[in-house]
Amino acid sequence: MDSVLRELWRGSVQIRENLAPVTPEFHALNAKLTDESAYLERVLSQSDKEHFYTHEETGDMISEMLLEEAFIRGFQFAVKLMVAVYGGKDGLPELLKSFGINASGE
């Protein structure tokens, strides 16, 4: 654990590296997006292209914000889960309930 924290502090752990999934579904969607972008490049006027670029950039910024929030929430959940598990199982049901997970199986 100590070495991971040191690597994180020193910047040698890059969590955002290689985020692209290696699944066939991802590659198919990425190819489709590339094809659609190329098509729009050919058919749009210069003014419409500018709107298209703005649309893409805005979507990319939104995606970045969502990814960051998902990472933060996942990390928070993982830390709270570790504390609940290693600190005694009494806190685990309450922790899971706080995330909308029913620990009793009901």
Protein backbone atom coordinates (compact mmCIF):
# COMPACT_ATOMS: atom_id res chain seq x y z
CA MET A 1 0.00 0.00 0.00
CA ASP A 2 2.83 2.39 0.89
CA SER A 3 4.45 2.02 -2.53
CA VAL A 4 1.17 2.66 -4.36
CA LEU A 5 0.63 5.86 -2.37
CA ARG A 6 4.21 6.96 -3.12
CA GLU A 7 3.74 6.25 -6.83
CA LEU A 8 0.46 8.21 -6.79
CA TRP A 9 2.14 11.15 -5.01
CA ARG A 10 5.07 11.15 -7.44
CA GLY A 11 2.73 11.11 -10.42
CA SER A 12 3.90 7.76 -11.75
CA VAL A 13 0.42 6.25 -11.41
CA GLN A 14 -1.70 7.53 -14.26
CA ILE A 15 -5.21 6.24 -13.63
CA ARG A 16 -6.53 7.83 -16.81
CA GLU A 17 -4.06 6.03 -19.10
CA ASN A 18 -5.51 3.51 -21.52
CA LEU A 19 -9.13 3.99 -20.59
CA ALA A 20 -10.35 2.65 -23.92
CA PRO A 21 -11.92 -0.78 -23.52
CA VAL A 22 -10.55 -3.52 -25.76
CA THR A 23 -13.92 -5.07 -26.44
CA PRO A 24 -15.27 -5.62 -29.96
CA GLU A 25 -18.31 -3.51 -29.05
CA PHE A 26 -16.11 -0.52 -28.21
CA HIS A 27 -14.14 -0.85 -31.44
CA ALA A 28 -17.35 -1.10 -33.46
CA LEU A 29 -18.80 2.02 -31.82
CA ASN A 30 -15.54 3.90 -32.27
CA ALA A 31 -15.41 2.97 -35.96
CA LYS A 32 -19.03 4.08 -36.39
CA LEU A 33 -18.28 7.41 -34.72
CA THR A 34 -15.24 7.91 -36.96
CA ASP A 35 -17.30 7.15 -40.07
CA GLU A 36 -20.08 9.50 -39.02
CA SER A 37 -17.61 12.29 -38.27
CA ALA A 38 -15.96 11.83 -41.67
CA TYR A 39 -19.35 11.96 -43.38
CA LEU A 40 -20.32 15.17 -41.58
CA GLU A 41 -16.95 16.70 -42.49
CA ARG A 42 -17.76 16.11 -46.15
CA VAL A 43 -21.34 17.34 -46.23
CA LEU A 44 -21.55 20.21 -43.75
CA SER A 45 -20.97 23.83 -44.62
CA GLN A 46 -18.13 25.62 -42.84
CA SER A 47 -20.59 27.29 -40.46
CA ASP A 48 -22.27 23.97 -39.66
CA LYS A 49 -18.85 22.34 -39.15
CA GLU A 50 -18.05 24.95 -36.51
CA HIS A 51 -21.28 24.11 -34.69
CA PHE A 52 -20.48 20.41 -35.04
CA TYR A 53 -16.98 20.92 -33.54
CA THR A 54 -18.45 22.91 -30.66
CA HIS A 55 -21.01 20.16 -30.11
CA GLU A 56 -18.28 17.49 -30.05
CA GLU A 57 -16.03 19.49 -27.71
CA THR A 58 -18.92 20.15 -25.33
CA GLY A 59 -19.83 16.46 -25.33
CA ASP A 60 -16.21 15.56 -24.61
CA MET A 61 -16.11 17.99 -21.67
CA ILE A 62 -19.34 16.52 -20.26
CA SER A 63 -17.96 12.99 -20.63
CA GLU A 64 -14.79 14.01 -18.78
CA MET A 65 -16.84 15.45 -15.93
CA LEU A 66 -18.96 12.29 -15.72
CA LEU A 67 -15.88 10.05 -15.73
CA GLU A 68 -14.28 12.12 -12.98
CA GLU A 69 -17.43 11.98 -10.86
CA ALA A 70 -17.77 8.22 -11.39
CA PHE A 71 -14.15 7.73 -10.33
CA ILE A 72 -14.58 9.87 -7.22
CA ARG A 73 -17.78 8.10 -6.16
CA GLY A 74 -16.28 4.68 -6.83
CA PHE A 75 -13.19 5.54 -4.83
CA GLN A 76 -15.25 6.90 -1.95
CA PHE A 77 -17.37 3.75 -1.93
CA ALA A 78 -14.27 1.52 -1.99
CA VAL A 79 -12.68 3.37 0.94
CA LYS A 80 -15.89 3.28 2.97
CA LEU A 81 -16.28 -0.42 2.17
CA MET A 82 -12.72 -1.15 3.33
CA VAL A 83 -13.31 0.78 6.55
CA ALA A 84 -16.57 -1.08 7.18
CA VAL A 85 -15.04 -4.49 6.46
CA TYR A 86 -11.80 -4.02 8.34
CA GLY A 87 -13.39 -2.01 11.13
CA GLY A 88 -16.00 -4.64 11.87
CA LYS A 89 -18.97 -5.92 9.92
CA ASP A 90 -21.47 -3.96 12.03
CA GLY A 91 -21.10 -0.90 9.81
CA LEU A 92 -21.34 -2.79 6.51
CA PRO A 93 -25.16 -3.00 6.22
CA GLU A 94 -25.50 0.73 6.93
CA LEU A 95 -22.78 1.54 4.41
CA LEU A 96 -24.43 -0.53 1.70
CA LYS A 97 -27.82 1.00 2.51
CA SER A 98 -26.33 4.49 2.08
CA PHE A 99 -25.49 3.50 -1.52
CA GLY A 100 -28.95 2.04 -2.12
CA ILE A 101 -27.81 -1.58 -1.73
CA ASN A 102 -29.93 -3.89 0.39
CA ALA A 103 -27.51 -6.10 2.36
CA SER A 104 -30.25 -8.34 3.79
CA GLY A 105 -31.20 -9.69 0.37
CA GLU A 106 -34.81 -8.47 0.65
